Amino acid sequence: MPQPFAPEIFSAESRFGFHLHTSLHFSPDGQEIYFTHQDQEPLKLTIHVVKQKDGVWRDPQVAPFSGTYDDNCEMISSDGQRLYFTSNRPLSGSGEPEGEFGIWFVEREG
């Protein structure tokens, strides 16, 4: 029988009230979850991360690389070292968002 996963985090009734825009993406070790949250007013797409520590899922946080531009459609590499995503961030790294989404990645450090 299907069961809800972490409804205290991933449900409209949770204190976070997340409107998920993507599926949940688990790190290969199962200790992190990445997903895109969509704010409605104003429309904004932000990648969040939830980490598990001592068997407990912690509060979601905006991923360190996200939050300025619209970021979306994240996917973790099989070795867990890269996270690919789409974004409307400018190629220069600053300034006004692009009109189109491009494919970007970040690499894990440490």
PDB file of N, CA and C in Angstrom:
ATOM      1  N   MET A   1       0.842  -1.178   0.000  1.00  0.00           N
ATOM      2  CA  MET A   1       0.000   0.000   0.000  1.00  0.00           C
ATOM      3  C   MET A   1       0.895   1.251   0.000  1.00  0.00           C
ATOM      4  N   PRO A   2       0.706   2.169  -0.947  1.00  0.00           N
ATOM      5  CA  PRO A   2       1.506   3.398  -0.967  1.00  0.00           C
ATOM      6  C   PRO A   2       1.333   4.204   0.318  1.00  0.00           C
ATOM      7  N   GLN A   3       2.430   4.795   0.765  1.00  0.00           N
ATOM      8  CA  GLN A   3       2.428   5.626   1.969  1.00  0.00           C
ATOM      9  C   GLN A   3       3.022   6.984   1.634  1.00  0.00           C
ATOM     10  N   PRO A   4       2.531   8.069   2.237  1.00  0.00           N
ATOM     11  CA  PRO A   4       3.139   9.378   1.996  1.00  0.00           C
ATOM     12  C   PRO A   4       4.553   9.422   2.563  1.00  0.00           C
ATOM     13  N   PHE A   5       5.455  10.057   1.812  1.00  0.00           N
ATOM     14  CA  PHE A   5       6.829  10.206   2.263  1.00  0.00           C
ATOM     15  C   PHE A   5       6.989  11.569   2.922  1.00  0.00           C
ATOM     16  N   ALA A   6       7.435  11.573   4.151  1.00  0.00           N
ATOM     17  CA  ALA A   6       7.729  12.795   4.912  1.00  0.00           C
ATOM     18  C   ALA A   6       6.653  13.870   4.728  1.00  0.00           C
ATOM     19  N   PRO A   7       5.402  13.558   5.063  1.00  0.00           N
ATOM     20  CA  PRO A   7       4.328  14.552   4.878  1.00  0.00           C
ATOM     21  C   PRO A   7       4.519  15.809   5.720  1.00  0.00           C
ATOM     22  N   GLU A   8       5.342  15.719   6.773  1.00  0.00           N
ATOM     23  CA  GLU A   8       5.615  16.914   7.579  1.00  0.00           C
ATOM     24  C   GLU A   8       6.432  17.937   6.780  1.00  0.00           C
ATOM     25  N   ILE A   9       7.017  17.501   5.660  1.00  0.00           N
ATOM     26  CA  ILE A   9       7.774  18.401   4.782  1.00  0.00           C
ATOM     27  C   ILE A   9       7.076  18.564   3.444  1.00  0.00           C
ATOM     28  N   PHE A  10       6.694  17.434   2.826  1.00  0.00           N
ATOM     29  CA  PHE A  10       6.219  17.436   1.442  1.00  0.00           C
ATOM     30  C   PHE A  10       4.710  17.282   1.332  1.00  0.00           C
ATOM     31  N   SER A  11       3.984  18.227   1.862  1.00  0.00           N
ATOM     32  CA  SER A  11       2.539  18.241   1.671  1.00  0.00           C
ATOM     33  C   SER A  11       2.052  19.679   1.784  1.00  0.00           C
ATOM     34  N   ALA A  12       0.907  19.935   1.177  1.00  0.00           N
ATOM     35  CA  ALA A  12       0.327  21.281   1.241  1.00  0.00           C
ATOM     36  C   ALA A  12      -0.024  21.654   2.673  1.00  0.00           C
ATOM     37  N   GLU A  13      -0.235  20.645   3.527  1.00  0.00           N
ATOM     38  CA  GLU A  13      -0.598  20.903   4.919  1.00  0.00           C
ATOM     39  C   GLU A  13       0.615  21.106   5.820  1.00  0.00           C
ATOM     40  N   SER A  14       1.822  20.857   5.309  1.00  0.00           N
ATOM     41  CA  SER A  14       3.010  21.030   6.141  1.00  0.00           C
ATOM     42  C   SER A  14       3.222  22.505   6.442  1.00  0.00           C
ATOM     43  N   ARG A  15       4.059  22.779   7.403  1.00  0.00           N
ATOM     44  CA  ARG A  15       4.325  24.184   7.742  1.00  0.00           C
ATOM     45  C   ARG A  15       5.067  24.900   6.629  1.00  0.00           C
ATOM     46  N   PHE A  16       5.641  24.130   5.680  1.00  0.00           N
ATOM     47  CA  PHE A  16       6.351  24.739   4.553  1.00  0.00           C
ATOM     48  C   PHE A  16       5.394  25.046   3.406  1.00  0.00           C
ATOM     49  N   GLY A  17       4.312  24.263   3.303  1.00  0.00           N
ATOM     50  CA  GLY A  17       3.317  24.491   2.259  1.00  0.00           C
ATOM     51  C   GLY A  17       3.900  24.455   0.860  1.00  0.00           C
ATOM     52  N   PHE A  18       4.847  23.547   0.614  1.00  0.00           N
ATOM     53  CA  PHE A  18       5.525  23.518  -0.670  1.00  0.00           C
ATOM     54  C   PHE A  18       4.607  23.155  -1.819  1.00  0.00           C
ATOM     55  N   HIS A  19       4.750  23.900  -2.885  1.00  0.00           N
ATOM     56  CA  HIS A  19       4.162  23.518  -4.162  1.00  0.00           C
ATOM     57  C   HIS A  19       5.327  22.947  -4.976  1.00  0.00           C
ATOM     58  N   LEU A  20       5.415  21.618  -5.027  1.00  0.00           N
ATOM     59  CA  LEU A  20       6.524  20.981  -5.730  1.00  0.00           C
ATOM     60  C   LEU A  20       6.333  21.132  -7.226  1.00  0.00           C
ATOM     61  N   HIS A  21       7.407  21.498  -7.899  1.00  0.00           N
ATOM     62  CA  HIS A  21       7.373  21.663  -9.339  1.00  0.00           C
ATOM     63  C   HIS A  21       8.074  20.503 -10.038  1.00  0.00           C
ATOM     64  N   THR A  22       8.862  19.737  -9.314  1.00  0.00           N
ATOM     65  CA  THR A  22       9.556  18.577  -9.876  1.00  0.00           C
ATOM     66  C   THR A  22       9.413  17.398  -8.923  1.00  0.00           C
ATOM     67  N   SER A  23       9.888  16.266  -9.398  1.00  0.00           N
ATOM     68  CA  SER A  23       9.963  15.088  -8.536  1.00  0.00           C
ATOM     69  C   SER A  23      11.072  15.283  -7.518  1.00  0.00           C
ATOM     70  N   LEU A  24      11.072  14.442  -6.504  1.00  0.00           N
ATOM     71  CA  LEU A  24      12.174  14.440  -5.545  1.00  0.00           C
ATOM     72  C   LEU A  24      13.348  13.684  -6.149  1.00  0.00           C
ATOM     73  N   HIS A  25      14.557  14.214  -5.975  1.00  0.00           N
ATOM     74  CA  HIS A  25      15.769  13.571  -6.488  1.00  0.00           C
ATOM     75  C   HIS A  25      16.686  13.277  -5.306  1.00  0.00           C
ATOM     76  N   PHE A  26      16.908  11.995  -5.050  1.00  0.00           N
ATOM     77  CA  PHE A  26      17.726  11.561  -3.919  1.00  0.00           C
ATOM     78  C   PHE A  26      19.186  11.446  -4.339  1.00  0.00           C
ATOM     79  N   SER A  27      20.092  11.844  -3.447  1.00  0.00           N
ATOM     80  CA  SER A  27      21.513  11.631  -3.671  1.00  0.00           C
ATOM     81  C   SER A  27      21.773  10.129  -3.654  1.00  0.00           C
ATOM     82  N   PRO A  28      22.862   9.672  -4.289  1.00  0.00           N
ATOM     83  CA  PRO A  28      23.146   8.233  -4.315  1.00  0.00           C
ATOM     84  C   PRO A  28      23.221   7.587  -2.931  1.00  0.00           C
ATOM     85  N   ASP A  29      23.667   8.329  -1.913  1.00  0.00           N
ATOM     86  CA  ASP A  29      23.747   7.761  -0.566  1.00  0.00           C
ATOM     87  C   ASP A  29      22.425   7.860   0.198  1.00  0.00           C
ATOM     88  N   GLY A  30      21.399   8.473  -0.424  1.00  0.00           N
ATOM     89  CA  GLY A  30      20.081   8.567   0.199  1.00  0.00           C
ATOM     90  C   GLY A  30      19.982   9.571   1.327  1.00  0.00           C
ATOM     91  N   GLN A  31      20.996  10.419   1.512  1.00  0.00           N
ATOM     92  CA  GLN A  31      21.019  11.348   2.640  1.00  0.00           C
ATOM     93  C   GLN A  31      20.574  12.766   2.289  1.00  0.00           C
ATOM     94  N   GLU A  32      20.364  13.047   1.004  1.00  0.00           N
ATOM     95  CA  GLU A  32      19.924  14.376   0.569  1.00  0.00           C
ATOM     96  C   GLU A  32      18.822  14.222  -0.468  1.00  0.00           C
ATOM     97  N   ILE A  33      17.902  15.175  -0.460  1.00  0.00           N
ATOM     98  CA  ILE A  33      16.837  15.228  -1.455  1.00  0.00           C
ATOM     99  C   ILE A  33      16.851  16.629  -2.054  1.00  0.00           C
ATOM    100  N   TYR A  34      16.772  16.696  -3.374  1.00  0.00           N
ATOM    101  CA  TYR A  34      16.667  17.973  -4.074  1.00  0.00           C
ATOM    102  C   TYR A  34      15.327  18.024  -4.789  1.00  0.00           C
ATOM    103  N   PHE A  35      14.740  19.205  -4.835  1.00  0.00           N
ATOM    104  CA  PHE A  35      13.475  19.402  -5.540  1.00  0.00           C
ATOM    105  C   PHE A  35      13.324  20.883  -5.857  1.00  0.00           C
ATOM    106  N   THR A  36      12.440  21.179  -6.780  1.00  0.00           N
ATOM    107  CA  THR A  36      12.136  22.566  -7.119  1.00  0.00           C
ATOM    108  C   THR A  36      10.829  22.968  -6.472  1.00  0.00           C
ATOM    109  N   HIS A  37      10.855  24.105  -5.818  1.00  0.00           N
ATOM    110  CA  HIS A  37       9.660  24.713  -5.227  1.00  0.00           C
ATOM    111  C   HIS A  37       9.247  25.870  -6.126  1.00  0.00           C
ATOM    112  N   GLN A  38       7.959  25.966  -6.365  1.00  0.00           N
ATOM    113  CA  GLN A  38       7.425  27.051  -7.177  1.00  0.00           C
ATOM    114  C   GLN A  38       6.583  27.980  -6.315  1.00  0.00           C
ATOM    115  N   ASP A  39       7.069  29.200  -6.130  1.00  0.00           N
ATOM    116  CA  ASP A  39       6.247  30.225  -5.479  1.00  0.00           C
ATOM    117  C   ASP A  39       5.216  30.692  -6.493  1.00  0.00           C
ATOM    118  N   GLN A  40       4.044  31.007  -6.019  1.00  0.00           N
ATOM    119  CA  GLN A  40       2.979  31.441  -6.918  1.00  0.00           C
ATOM    120  C   GLN A  40       2.977  32.946  -7.155  1.00  0.00           C
ATOM    121  N   GLU A  41       3.223  33.720  -6.131  1.00  0.00           N
ATOM    122  CA  GLU A  41       3.169  35.184  -6.237  1.00  0.00           C
ATOM    123  C   GLU A  41       4.411  35.798  -5.631  1.00  0.00           C
ATOM    124  N   PRO A  42       5.343  36.312  -6.336  1.00  0.00           N
ATOM    125  CA  PRO A  42       5.457  36.210  -7.801  1.00  0.00           C
ATOM    126  C   PRO A  42       5.958  34.826  -8.183  1.00  0.00           C
ATOM    127  N   LEU A  43       5.717  34.451  -9.431  1.00  0.00           N
ATOM    128  CA  LEU A  43       6.147  33.152  -9.921  1.00  0.00           C
ATOM    129  C   LEU A  43       7.668  33.048  -9.838  1.00  0.00           C
ATOM    130  N   LYS A  44       8.164  32.065  -9.092  1.00  0.00           N
ATOM    131  CA  LYS A  44       9.606  31.902  -8.879  1.00  0.00           C
ATOM    132  C   LYS A  44       9.908  30.433  -8.669  1.00  0.00           C
ATOM    133  N   LEU A  45      10.939  29.921  -9.346  1.00  0.00           N
ATOM    134  CA  LEU A  45      11.368  28.534  -9.224  1.00  0.00           C
ATOM    135  C   LEU A  45      12.709  28.483  -8.500  1.00  0.00           C
ATOM    136  N   THR A  46      12.764  27.730  -7.420  1.00  0.00           N
ATOM    137  CA  THR A  46      13.963  27.661  -6.598  1.00  0.00           C
ATOM    138  C   THR A  46      14.241  26.212  -6.218  1.00  0.00           C
ATOM    139  N   ILE A  47      15.509  25.800  -6.335  1.00  0.00           N
ATOM    140  CA  ILE A  47      15.895  24.448  -5.940  1.00  0.00           C
ATOM    141  C   ILE A  47      16.191  24.434  -4.449  1.00  0.00           C
ATOM    142  N   HIS A  48      15.596  23.459  -3.764  1.00  0.00           N
ATOM    143  CA  HIS A  48      15.791  23.266  -2.328  1.00  0.00           C
ATOM    144  C   HIS A  48      16.497  21.942  -2.073  1.00  0.00           C
ATOM    145  N   VAL A  49      17.106  21.851  -0.915  1.00  0.00           N
ATOM    146  CA  VAL A  49      17.733  20.611  -0.470  1.00  0.00           C
ATOM    147  C   VAL A  49      17.249  20.301   0.943  1.00  0.00           C
ATOM    148  N   VAL A  50      17.015  19.017   1.176  1.00  0.00           N
ATOM    149  CA  VAL A  50      16.668  18.514   2.506  1.00  0.00           C
ATOM    150  C   VAL A  50      17.709  17.457   2.839  1.00  0.00           C
ATOM    151  N   LYS A  51      18.314  17.560   4.010  1.00  0.00           N
ATOM    152  CA  LYS A  51      19.354  16.609   4.412  1.00  0.00           C
ATOM    153  C   LYS A  51      18.873  15.779   5.590  1.00  0.00           C
ATOM    154  N   GLN A  52      19.299  14.530   5.590  1.00  0.00           N
ATOM    155  CA  GLN A  52      18.974  13.626   6.692  1.00  0.00           C
ATOM    156  C   GLN A  52      20.178  13.549   7.623  1.00  0.00           C
ATOM    157  N   LYS A  53      19.907  13.685   8.910  1.00  0.00           N
ATOM    158  CA  LYS A  53      20.964  13.556   9.913  1.00  0.00           C
ATOM    159  C   LYS A  53      20.411  12.734  11.064  1.00  0.00           C
ATOM    160  N   ASP A  54      21.164  11.706  11.445  1.00  0.00           N
ATOM    161  CA  ASP A  54      20.748  10.800  12.529  1.00  0.00           C
ATOM    162  C   ASP A  54      19.347  10.241  12.295  1.00  0.00           C
ATOM    163  N   GLY A  55      19.048   9.928  11.024  1.00  0.00           N
ATOM    164  CA  GLY A  55      17.767   9.317  10.681  1.00  0.00           C
ATOM    165  C   GLY A  55      16.592  10.268  10.632  1.00  0.00           C
ATOM    166  N   VAL A  56      16.843  11.575  10.762  1.00  0.00           N
ATOM    167  CA  VAL A  56      15.764  12.575  10.756  1.00  0.00           C
ATOM    168  C   VAL A  56      15.973  13.536   9.588  1.00  0.00           C
ATOM    169  N   TRP A  57      14.911  13.765   8.815  1.00  0.00           N
ATOM    170  CA  TRP A  57      14.982  14.741   7.734  1.00  0.00           C
ATOM    171  C   TRP A  57      14.897  16.133   8.315  1.00  0.00           C
ATOM    172  N   ARG A  58      15.864  16.967   7.992  1.00  0.00           N
ATOM    173  CA  ARG A  58      15.940  18.343   8.498  1.00  0.00           C
ATOM    174  C   ARG A  58      15.068  19.266   7.666  1.00  0.00           C
ATOM    175  N   ASP A  59      14.927  20.507   8.092  1.00  0.00           N
ATOM    176  CA  ASP A  59      14.118  21.470   7.348  1.00  0.00           C
ATOM    177  C   ASP A  59      14.727  21.757   5.984  1.00  0.00           C
ATOM    178  N   PRO A  60      13.894  21.939   4.975  1.00  0.00           N
ATOM    179  CA  PRO A  60      14.387  22.286   3.644  1.00  0.00           C
ATOM    180  C   PRO A  60      15.087  23.643   3.657  1.00  0.00           C
ATOM    181  N   GLN A  61      16.133  23.740   2.843  1.00  0.00           N
ATOM    182  CA  GLN A  61      16.877  24.990   2.674  1.00  0.00           C
ATOM    183  C   GLN A  61      17.007  25.267   1.187  1.00  0.00           C
ATOM    184  N   VAL A  62      17.068  26.544   0.824  1.00  0.00           N
ATOM    185  CA  VAL A  62      17.363  26.880  -0.561  1.00  0.00           C
ATOM    186  C   VAL A  62      18.782  26.394  -0.845  1.00  0.00           C
ATOM    187  N   ALA A  63      18.975  25.680  -1.957  1.00  0.00           N
ATOM    188  CA  ALA A  63      20.306  25.195  -2.314  1.00  0.00           C
ATOM    189  C   ALA A  63      21.248  26.388  -2.459  1.00  0.00           C
ATOM    190  N   PRO A  64      22.507  26.235  -2.061  1.00  0.00           N
ATOM    191  CA  PRO A  64      23.439  27.371  -2.032  1.00  0.00           C
ATOM    192  C   PRO A  64      23.601  28.102  -3.367  1.00  0.00           C
ATOM    193  N   PHE A  65      23.381  27.425  -4.470  1.00  0.00           N
ATOM    194  CA  PHE A  65      23.560  28.030  -5.790  1.00  0.00           C
ATOM    195  C   PHE A  65      22.263  28.602  -6.363  1.00  0.00           C
ATOM    196  N   SER A  66      21.148  28.403  -5.681  1.00  0.00           N
ATOM    197  CA  SER A  66      19.841  28.783  -6.215  1.00  0.00           C
ATOM    198  C   SER A  66      19.265  29.982  -5.466  1.00  0.00           C
ATOM    199  N   GLY A  67      18.198  30.546  -6.015  1.00  0.00           N
ATOM    200  CA  GLY A  67      17.472  31.593  -5.313  1.00  0.00           C
ATOM    201  C   GLY A  67      17.483  32.943  -5.990  1.00  0.00           C
ATOM    202  N   THR A  68      18.426  33.185  -6.889  1.00  0.00           N
ATOM    203  CA  THR A  68      18.474  34.484  -7.570  1.00  0.00           C
ATOM    204  C   THR A  68      17.702  34.449  -8.881  1.00  0.00           C
ATOM    205  N   TYR A  69      17.896  33.390  -9.644  1.00  0.00           N
ATOM    206  CA  TYR A  69      17.214  33.225 -10.932  1.00  0.00           C
ATOM    207  C   TYR A  69      16.265  32.047 -10.833  1.00  0.00           C
ATOM    208  N   ASP A  70      15.488  31.804 -11.871  1.00  0.00           N
ATOM    209  CA  ASP A  70      14.621  30.634 -11.891  1.00  0.00           C
ATOM    210  C   ASP A  70      15.462  29.402 -12.193  1.00  0.00           C
ATOM    211  N   ASP A  71      15.482  28.465 -11.255  1.00  0.00           N
ATOM    212  CA  ASP A  71      16.217  27.212 -11.386  1.00  0.00           C
ATOM    213  C   ASP A  71      15.218  26.068 -11.286  1.00  0.00           C
ATOM    214  N   ASN A  72      15.441  25.007 -12.061  1.00  0.00           N
ATOM    215  CA  ASN A  72      14.397  24.023 -12.224  1.00  0.00           C
ATOM    216  C   ASN A  72      14.996  22.709 -12.745  1.00  0.00           C
ATOM    217  N   CYS A  73      14.214  21.661 -12.708  1.00  0.00           N
ATOM    218  CA  CYS A  73      14.506  20.378 -13.368  1.00  0.00           C
ATOM    219  C   CYS A  73      15.869  19.801 -12.987  1.00  0.00           C
ATOM    220  N   GLU A  74      16.131  19.715 -11.693  1.00  0.00           N
ATOM    221  CA  GLU A  74      17.415  19.206 -11.215  1.00  0.00           C
ATOM    222  C   GLU A  74      17.520  17.698 -11.400  1.00  0.00           C
ATOM    223  N   MET A  75      18.752  17.243 -11.585  1.00  0.00           N
ATOM    224  CA  MET A  75      19.047  15.816 -11.721  1.00  0.00           C
ATOM    225  C   MET A  75      20.460  15.590 -11.191  1.00  0.00           C
ATOM    226  N   ILE A  76      20.618  14.603 -10.320  1.00  0.00           N
ATOM    227  CA  ILE A  76      21.906  14.302  -9.698  1.00  0.00           C
ATOM    228  C   ILE A  76      22.626  13.236 -10.518  1.00  0.00           C
ATOM    229  N   SER A  77      23.933  13.433 -10.739  1.00  0.00           N
ATOM    230  CA  SER A  77      24.721  12.427 -11.453  1.00  0.00           C
ATOM    231  C   SER A  77      24.800  11.148 -10.617  1.00  0.00           C
ATOM    232  N   SER A  78      25.087  10.036 -11.282  1.00  0.00           N
ATOM    233  CA  SER A  78      25.082   8.743 -10.590  1.00  0.00           C
ATOM    234  C   SER A  78      26.151   8.649  -9.507  1.00  0.00           C
ATOM    235  N   ASP A  79      27.234   9.441  -9.626  1.00  0.00           N
ATOM    236  CA  ASP A  79      28.261   9.431  -8.574  1.00  0.00           C
ATOM    237  C   ASP A  79      28.004  10.488  -7.496  1.00  0.00           C
ATOM    238  N   GLY A  80      26.951  11.283  -7.669  1.00  0.00           N
ATOM    239  CA  GLY A  80      26.583  12.288  -6.673  1.00  0.00           C
ATOM    240  C   GLY A  80      27.464  13.528  -6.670  1.00  0.00           C
ATOM    241  N   GLN A  81      28.350  13.652  -7.630  1.00  0.00           N
ATOM    242  CA  GLN A  81      29.297  14.773  -7.633  1.00  0.00           C
ATOM    243  C   GLN A  81      28.797  15.996  -8.407  1.00  0.00           C
ATOM    244  N   ARG A  82      27.821  15.806  -9.272  1.00  0.00           N
ATOM    245  CA  ARG A  82      27.266  16.926 -10.030  1.00  0.00           C
ATOM    246  C   ARG A  82      25.752  16.940  -9.908  1.00  0.00           C
ATOM    247  N   LEU A  83      25.218  18.139  -9.913  1.00  0.00           N
ATOM    248  CA  LEU A  83      23.784  18.326  -9.991  1.00  0.00           C
ATOM    249  C   LEU A  83      23.537  19.192 -11.215  1.00  0.00           C
ATOM    250  N   TYR A  84      22.803  18.654 -12.167  1.00  0.00           N
ATOM    251  CA  TYR A  84      22.445  19.373 -13.388  1.00  0.00           C
ATOM    252  C   TYR A  84      21.076  20.005 -13.179  1.00  0.00           C
ATOM    253  N   PHE A  85      20.859  21.161 -13.777  1.00  0.00           N
ATOM    254  CA  PHE A  85      19.577  21.847 -13.648  1.00  0.00           C
ATOM    255  C   PHE A  85      19.402  22.818 -14.804  1.00  0.00           C
ATOM    256  N   THR A  86      18.184  23.275 -15.004  1.00  0.00           N
ATOM    257  CA  THR A  86      17.942  24.317 -15.990  1.00  0.00           C
ATOM    258  C   THR A  86      17.784  25.640 -15.255  1.00  0.00           C
ATOM    259  N   SER A  87      18.166  26.717 -15.931  1.00  0.00           N
ATOM    260  CA  SER A  87      18.090  28.035 -15.312  1.00  0.00           C
ATOM    261  C   SER A  87      18.014  29.100 -16.398  1.00  0.00           C
ATOM    262  N   ASN A  88      17.412  30.228 -16.018  1.00  0.00           N
ATOM    263  CA  ASN A  88      17.392  31.377 -16.924  1.00  0.00           C
ATOM    264  C   ASN A  88      18.479  32.376 -16.541  1.00  0.00           C
ATOM    265  N   ARG A  89      19.457  31.945 -15.732  1.00  0.00           N
ATOM    266  CA  ARG A  89      20.546  32.838 -15.327  1.00  0.00           C
ATOM    267  C   ARG A  89      21.360  33.230 -16.563  1.00  0.00           C
ATOM    268  N   PRO A  90      21.907  34.446 -16.561  1.00  0.00           N
ATOM    269  CA  PRO A  90      22.691  34.891 -17.722  1.00  0.00           C
ATOM    270  C   PRO A  90      24.042  34.172 -17.775  1.00  0.00           C
ATOM    271  N   LEU A  91      24.561  34.014 -18.983  1.00  0.00           N
ATOM    272  CA  LEU A  91      25.852  33.347 -19.166  1.00  0.00           C
ATOM    273  C   LEU A  91      26.972  34.078 -18.448  1.00  0.00           C
ATOM    274  N   SER A  92      26.838  35.382 -18.301  1.00  0.00           N
ATOM    275  CA  SER A  92      27.867  36.168 -17.622  1.00  0.00           C
ATOM    276  C   SER A  92      27.906  35.888 -16.116  1.00  0.00           C
ATOM    277  N   GLY A  93      26.824  35.317 -15.575  1.00  0.00           N
ATOM    278  CA  GLY A  93      26.763  35.027 -14.148  1.00  0.00           C
ATOM    279  C   GLY A  93      26.097  36.096 -13.324  1.00  0.00           C
ATOM    280  N   SER A  94      25.807  37.238 -13.935  1.00  0.00           N
ATOM    281  CA  SER A  94      25.097  38.299 -13.217  1.00  0.00           C
ATOM    282  C   SER A  94      24.281  39.113 -14.220  1.00  0.00           C
ATOM    283  N   GLY A  95      23.379  39.895 -13.683  1.00  0.00           N
ATOM    284  CA  GLY A  95      22.550  40.732 -14.541  1.00  0.00           C
ATOM    285  C   GLY A  95      21.150  40.179 -14.706  1.00  0.00           C
ATOM    286  N   GLU A  96      20.501  40.628 -15.741  1.00  0.00           N
ATOM    287  CA  GLU A  96      19.109  40.249 -16.001  1.00  0.00           C
ATOM    288  C   GLU A  96      19.015  38.795 -16.456  1.00  0.00           C
ATOM    289  N   PRO A  97      17.908  38.118 -16.102  1.00  0.00           N
ATOM    290  CA  PRO A  97      17.733  36.729 -16.529  1.00  0.00           C
ATOM    291  C   PRO A  97      17.605  36.634 -18.052  1.00  0.00           C
ATOM    292  N   GLU A  98      17.991  35.498 -18.564  1.00  0.00           N
ATOM    293  CA  GLU A  98      17.838  35.210 -19.987  1.00  0.00           C
ATOM    294  C   GLU A  98      16.368  34.937 -20.292  1.00  0.00           C
ATOM    295  N   GLY A  99      16.012  35.064 -21.544  1.00  0.00           N
ATOM    296  CA  GLY A  99      14.652  34.740 -21.962  1.00  0.00           C
ATOM    297  C   GLY A  99      14.429  33.244 -22.072  1.00  0.00           C
ATOM    298  N   GLU A 100      15.495  32.501 -22.301  1.00  0.00           N
ATOM    299  CA  GLU A 100      15.422  31.047 -22.454  1.00  0.00           C
ATOM    300  C   GLU A 100      16.147  30.373 -21.285  1.00  0.00           C
ATOM    301  N   PHE A 101      15.764  29.137 -21.011  1.00  0.00           N
ATOM    302  CA  PHE A 101      16.444  28.344 -19.996  1.00  0.00           C
ATOM    303  C   PHE A 101      17.587  27.573 -20.653  1.00  0.00           C
ATOM    304  N   GLY A 102      18.729  27.522 -19.981  1.00  0.00           N
ATOM    305  CA  GLY A 102      19.862  26.721 -20.421  1.00  0.00           C
ATOM    306  C   GLY A 102      20.142  25.634 -19.400  1.00  0.00           C
ATOM    307  N   ILE A 103      21.018  24.711 -19.757  1.00  0.00           N
ATOM    308  CA  ILE A 103      21.394  23.628 -18.844  1.00  0.00           C
ATOM    309  C   ILE A 103      22.683  24.019 -18.132  1.00  0.00           C
ATOM    310  N   TRP A 104      22.679  23.907 -16.813  1.00  0.00           N
ATOM    311  CA  TRP A 104      23.800  24.286 -15.955  1.00  0.00           C
ATOM    312  C   TRP A 104      24.147  23.107 -15.057  1.00  0.00           C
ATOM    313  N   PHE A 105      25.288  23.178 -14.380  1.00  0.00           N
ATOM    314  CA  PHE A 105      25.605  22.189 -13.358  1.00  0.00           C
ATOM    315  C   PHE A 105      26.455  22.830 -12.272  1.00  0.00           C
ATOM    316  N   VAL A 106      26.391  22.223 -11.097  1.00  0.00           N
ATOM    317  CA  VAL A 106      27.274  22.572  -9.988  1.00  0.00           C
ATOM    318  C   VAL A 106      27.972  21.282  -9.575  1.00  0.00           C
ATOM    319  N   GLU A 107      29.187  21.430  -9.029  1.00  0.00           N
ATOM    320  CA  GLU A 107      29.940  20.265  -8.564  1.00  0.00           C
ATOM    321  C   GLU A 107      30.082  20.301  -7.059  1.00  0.00           C
ATOM    322  N   ARG A 108      30.014  19.139  -6.471  1.00  0.00           N
ATOM    323  CA  ARG A 108      30.177  19.006  -5.030  1.00  0.00           C
ATOM    324  C   ARG A 108      31.626  19.262  -4.644  1.00  0.00           C
ATOM    325  N   GLU A 109      31.816  20.017  -3.589  1.00  0.00           N
ATOM    326  CA  GLU A 109      33.151  20.247  -3.044  1.00  0.00           C
ATOM    327  C   GLU A 109      33.235  19.623  -1.671  1.00  0.00           C
ATOM    328  N   GLY A 110      34.380  19.051  -1.361  1.00  0.00           N
ATOM    329  CA  GLY A 110      34.571  18.474  -0.031  1.00  0.00           C
ATOM    330  C   GLY A 110      33.975  17.113   0.136  1.00  0.00           C
TER     331      GLY A 110
END
